[in-house]
C-alpha atoms as a PDB file:
ATOM      1  CA  MET A   1       7.936  -1.966   5.700  1.00  0.00           C
ATOM      2  CA  ILE A   2      10.087   0.572   3.926  1.00  0.00           C
ATOM      3  CA  LEU A   3       8.419   3.143   1.703  1.00  0.00           C
ATOM      4  CA  LYS A   4      10.354   5.390  -0.669  1.00  0.00           C
ATOM      5  CA  ALA A   5       9.341   7.922  -3.314  1.00  0.00           C
ATOM      6  CA  ARG A   6      10.931   9.253  -6.466  1.00  0.00           C
ATOM      7  CA  ALA A   7       9.700  11.638  -9.120  1.00  0.00           C
ATOM      8  CA  THR A   8       8.873   9.966 -12.417  1.00  0.00           C
ATOM      9  CA  ASP A   9       8.275  13.339 -14.046  1.00  0.00           C
ATOM     10  CA  GLU A  10       7.246  16.820 -12.953  1.00  0.00           C
ATOM     11  CA  ASP A  11       3.672  15.735 -12.196  1.00  0.00           C
ATOM     12  CA  HIS A  12       3.959  12.152 -10.881  1.00  0.00           C
ATOM     13  CA  ILE A  13       5.561  10.317  -7.984  1.00  0.00           C
ATOM     14  CA  CYS A  14       6.451   6.638  -7.896  1.00  0.00           C
ATOM     15  CA  PHE A  15       6.171   4.959  -4.494  1.00  0.00           C
ATOM     16  CA  LEU A  16       8.069   1.753  -3.767  1.00  0.00           C
ATOM     17  CA  LEU A  17       7.077  -0.343  -0.752  1.00  0.00           C
ATOM     18  CA  THR A  18       9.469  -3.099   0.336  1.00  0.00           C
ATOM     19  CA  ASP A  19       8.327  -5.664   2.903  1.00  0.00           C
ATOM     20  CA  SER A  20      10.444  -7.523   5.448  1.00  0.00           C
ATOM     21  CA  VAL A  21      11.276 -10.372   3.017  1.00  0.00           C
ATOM     22  CA  GLY A  22      12.222  -8.059   0.168  1.00  0.00           C
ATOM     23  CA  ARG A  23       9.029  -8.193  -1.901  1.00  0.00           C
ATOM     24  CA  GLN A  24       8.355  -4.902  -3.601  1.00  0.00           C
ATOM     25  CA  THR A  25       5.147  -3.177  -4.632  1.00  0.00           C
ATOM     26  CA  GLU A  26       5.181  -0.058  -6.750  1.00  0.00           C
ATOM     27  CA  PHE A  27       2.492   2.476  -7.586  1.00  0.00           C
ATOM     28  CA  VAL A  28       2.402   5.877  -9.235  1.00  0.00           C
ATOM     29  CA  ALA A  29       0.345   8.856  -8.111  1.00  0.00           C
ATOM     30  CA  ALA A  30      -0.101  12.364  -9.412  1.00  0.00           C
ATOM     31  CA  ARG A  31       1.693  15.027  -7.388  1.00  0.00           C
ATOM     32  CA  VAL A  32      -0.820  17.196  -5.510  1.00  0.00           C
ATOM     33  CA  PRO A  33       0.435  20.600  -4.365  1.00  0.00           C
ATOM     34  CA  PRO A  34      -0.181  21.220  -0.638  1.00  0.00           C
ATOM     35  CA  SER A  35      -2.323  24.235  -1.581  1.00  0.00           C
ATOM     36  CA  ASP A  36      -4.738  21.881  -3.396  1.00  0.00           C
ATOM     37  CA  VAL A  37      -5.591  20.024  -0.174  1.00  0.00           C
ATOM     38  CA  GLN A  38      -8.633  21.706   1.349  1.00  0.00           C
ATOM     39  CA  ARG A  39      -7.836  20.774   4.937  1.00  0.00           C
ATOM     40  CA  SER A  40     -10.716  22.806   6.400  1.00  0.00           C
ATOM     41  CA  THR A  41     -13.276  20.789   4.417  1.00  0.00           C
ATOM     42  CA  GLY A  42     -11.372  17.498   4.190  1.00  0.00           C
ATOM     43  CA  THR A  43     -11.408  17.520   0.375  1.00  0.00           C
ATOM     44  CA  PHE A  44      -9.081  17.940  -2.599  1.00  0.00           C
ATOM     45  CA  ARG A  45      -9.441  20.568  -5.316  1.00  0.00           C
ATOM     46  CA  ASP A  46      -9.044  17.888  -7.991  1.00  0.00           C
ATOM     47  CA  PRO A  47     -10.264  14.501  -6.726  1.00  0.00           C
ATOM     48  CA  ASP A  48      -9.297  12.976 -10.091  1.00  0.00           C
ATOM     49  CA  LEU A  49      -5.667  13.159  -8.914  1.00  0.00           C
ATOM     50  CA  LEU A  50      -6.315  10.570  -6.202  1.00  0.00           C
ATOM     51  CA  VAL A  51      -5.159   7.017  -6.844  1.00  0.00           C
ATOM     52  CA  ASP A  52      -6.971   3.791  -5.907  1.00  0.00           C
ATOM     53  CA  LEU A  53      -4.985   1.320  -3.808  1.00  0.00           C
ATOM     54  CA  THR A  54      -5.554  -2.388  -3.220  1.00  0.00           C
ATOM     55  CA  PRO A  55      -6.665  -3.595   0.225  1.00  0.00           C
ATOM     56  CA  ALA A  56      -3.328  -5.424   0.656  1.00  0.00           C
ATOM     57  CA  LEU A  57      -1.358  -2.268  -0.133  1.00  0.00           C
ATOM     58  CA  VAL A  58      -3.354  -0.161   2.332  1.00  0.00           C
ATOM     59  CA  SER A  59      -2.783  -2.813   4.980  1.00  0.00           C
ATOM     60  CA  ALA A  60       0.961  -2.823   4.265  1.00  0.00           C
ATOM     61  CA  LEU A  61       1.144   0.971   4.465  1.00  0.00           C
ATOM     62  CA  LEU A  62      -0.107   0.826   8.051  1.00  0.00           C
ATOM     63  CA  ASP A  63       3.301  -0.666   8.971  1.00  0.00           C
ATOM     64  CA  ALA A  64       5.498   1.651   6.872  1.00  0.00           C
ATOM     65  CA  SER A  65       8.359   3.399   8.634  1.00  0.00           C
ATOM     66  CA  GLU A  66       8.878   7.144   8.345  1.00  0.00           C
ATOM     67  CA  PRO A  67      12.115   9.031   7.698  1.00  0.00           C
ATOM     68  CA  GLU A  68      13.991  11.050  10.286  1.00  0.00           C
ATOM     69  CA  VAL A  69      15.553  13.623   7.937  1.00  0.00           C
ATOM     70  CA  GLY A  70      15.553  14.764   4.314  1.00  0.00           C
ATOM     71  CA  MET A  71      13.016  15.837   1.712  1.00  0.00           C
ATOM     72  CA  VAL A  72       9.683  14.014   1.891  1.00  0.00           C
ATOM     73  CA  MET A  73       6.429  13.573   0.041  1.00  0.00           C
ATOM     74  CA  THR A  74       3.341  12.902   2.070  1.00  0.00           C
ATOM     75  CA  LEU A  75       0.954  10.109   1.328  1.00  0.00           C
ATOM     76  CA  ILE A  76      -2.589  10.698   2.556  1.00  0.00           C
ATOM     77  CA  VAL A  77      -4.655   7.501   2.453  1.00  0.00           C
ATOM     78  CA  HIS A  78      -8.318   7.047   3.287  1.00  0.00           C
ATOM     79  CA  THR A  79      -8.154   3.505   4.613  1.00  0.00           C
ATOM     80  CA  VAL A  80     -11.826   2.713   3.948  1.00  0.00           C
ATOM     81  CA  SER A  81     -12.203   3.995   0.376  1.00  0.00           C
ATOM     82  CA  ARG A  82      -8.522   3.118  -0.313  1.00  0.00           C
ATOM     83  CA  ARG A  83      -8.044   6.413  -2.199  1.00  0.00           C
ATOM     84  CA  ALA A  84      -4.683   8.114  -1.773  1.00  0.00           C
ATOM     85  CA  ALA A  85      -3.003  11.397  -2.608  1.00  0.00           C
ATOM     86  CA  ALA A  86       0.705  12.168  -2.984  1.00  0.00           C
ATOM     87  CA  VAL A  87       1.102  15.644  -1.517  1.00  0.00           C
ATOM     88  CA  GLY A  88       4.233  17.727  -1.438  1.00  0.00           C
ATOM     89  CA  SER A  89       7.085  17.914  -1.444  1.00  0.00           C
ATOM     90  CA  PHE A  90       8.298  19.168   1.932  1.00  0.00           C
ATOM     91  CA  THR A  91      11.821  19.959   3.131  1.00  0.00           C
ATOM     92  CA  ASP A  92      11.568  17.331   5.883  1.00  0.00           C
ATOM     93  CA  THR A  93       9.179  15.368   8.080  1.00  0.00           C
ATOM     94  CA  ALA A  94       8.908  18.213  10.600  1.00  0.00           C
ATOM     95  CA  ALA A  95       7.727  20.663   7.910  1.00  0.00           C
ATOM     96  CA  ALA A  96       5.174  18.134   6.639  1.00  0.00           C
ATOM     97  CA  ARG A  97       3.845  17.541  10.144  1.00  0.00           C
ATOM     98  CA  VAL A  98       3.510  21.290  10.808  1.00  0.00           C
ATOM     99  CA  TRP A  99       1.502  21.599   7.572  1.00  0.00           C
ATOM    100  CA  TRP A 100      -0.685  18.621   8.559  1.00  0.00           C
ATOM    101  CA  HIS A 101      -1.269  19.298  12.254  1.00  0.00           C
ATOM    102  CA  GLN A 102      -3.417  22.408  12.083  1.00  0.00           C
ATOM    103  CA  PRO A 103      -6.522  22.769  14.261  1.00  0.00           C
ATOM    104  CA  TYR A 104      -8.755  23.256  11.216  1.00  0.00           C
ATOM    105  CA  ASN A 105      -7.512  20.138   9.370  1.00  0.00           C
ATOM    106  CA  ARG A 106     -10.546  17.854   9.171  1.00  0.00           C
ATOM    107  CA  LEU A 107      -8.500  15.144   7.461  1.00  0.00           C
ATOM    108  CA  ALA A 108      -6.162  14.905  10.461  1.00  0.00           C
ATOM    109  CA  ARG A 109      -9.142  14.334  12.759  1.00  0.00           C
ATOM    110  CA  ASP A 110     -10.604  11.526  10.619  1.00  0.00           C
ATOM    111  CA  PRO A 111      -9.681   8.149  12.171  1.00  0.00           C
ATOM    112  CA  ASP A 112      -9.840   6.548   8.701  1.00  0.00           C
ATOM    113  CA  VAL A 113      -7.134   8.818   7.260  1.00  0.00           C
ATOM    114  CA  LEU A 114      -3.519   7.670   7.317  1.00  0.00           C
ATOM    115  CA  PHE A 115      -0.819  10.348   6.972  1.00  0.00           C
ATOM    116  CA  LEU A 116       2.676   9.168   6.036  1.00  0.00           C
ATOM    117  CA  THR A 117       5.850  11.033   5.256  1.00  0.00           C
ATOM    118  CA  VAL A 118       7.909   9.298   2.586  1.00  0.00           C
ATOM    119  CA  PRO A 119      11.573   9.985   1.843  1.00  0.00           C
ATOM    120  CA  VAL A 120      12.239  11.242  -1.666  1.00  0.00           C
ATOM    121  CA  GLU A 121      15.158   9.544  -3.379  1.00  0.00           C
ATOM    122  CA  ALA A 122      17.495  11.815  -5.293  1.00  0.00           C
ATOM    123  CA  ASP A 123      17.479  11.561  -9.074  1.00  0.00           C
ATOM    124  CA  ALA A 124      20.241   9.374 -10.405  1.00  0.00           C
END
């Protein structure tokens, strides 16, 4: 699975997931600033910014590949509730992982939370 992101406007990100046979699924999520993720409590300042995903989409995201270099958004998905947040952007995957992997981050310790870095496509 290949997952890409692009800004639709200043406040929203469009994610495009392409499977191995070329089928595409697209969804839009509000952009959540990293400072609005309350990692110590495992919550978000504005839970209304989370998007609901279908079971099939969550399942497909489990197989998504991650970028090696370049600007990324992060996609944080609770695989049970199927609620997701588009957080970022970050200069690269390494910066996103440093932000995520903090000892106080309760979300990172939750086995039902999926953390993905998604390459951001440049505006055309």
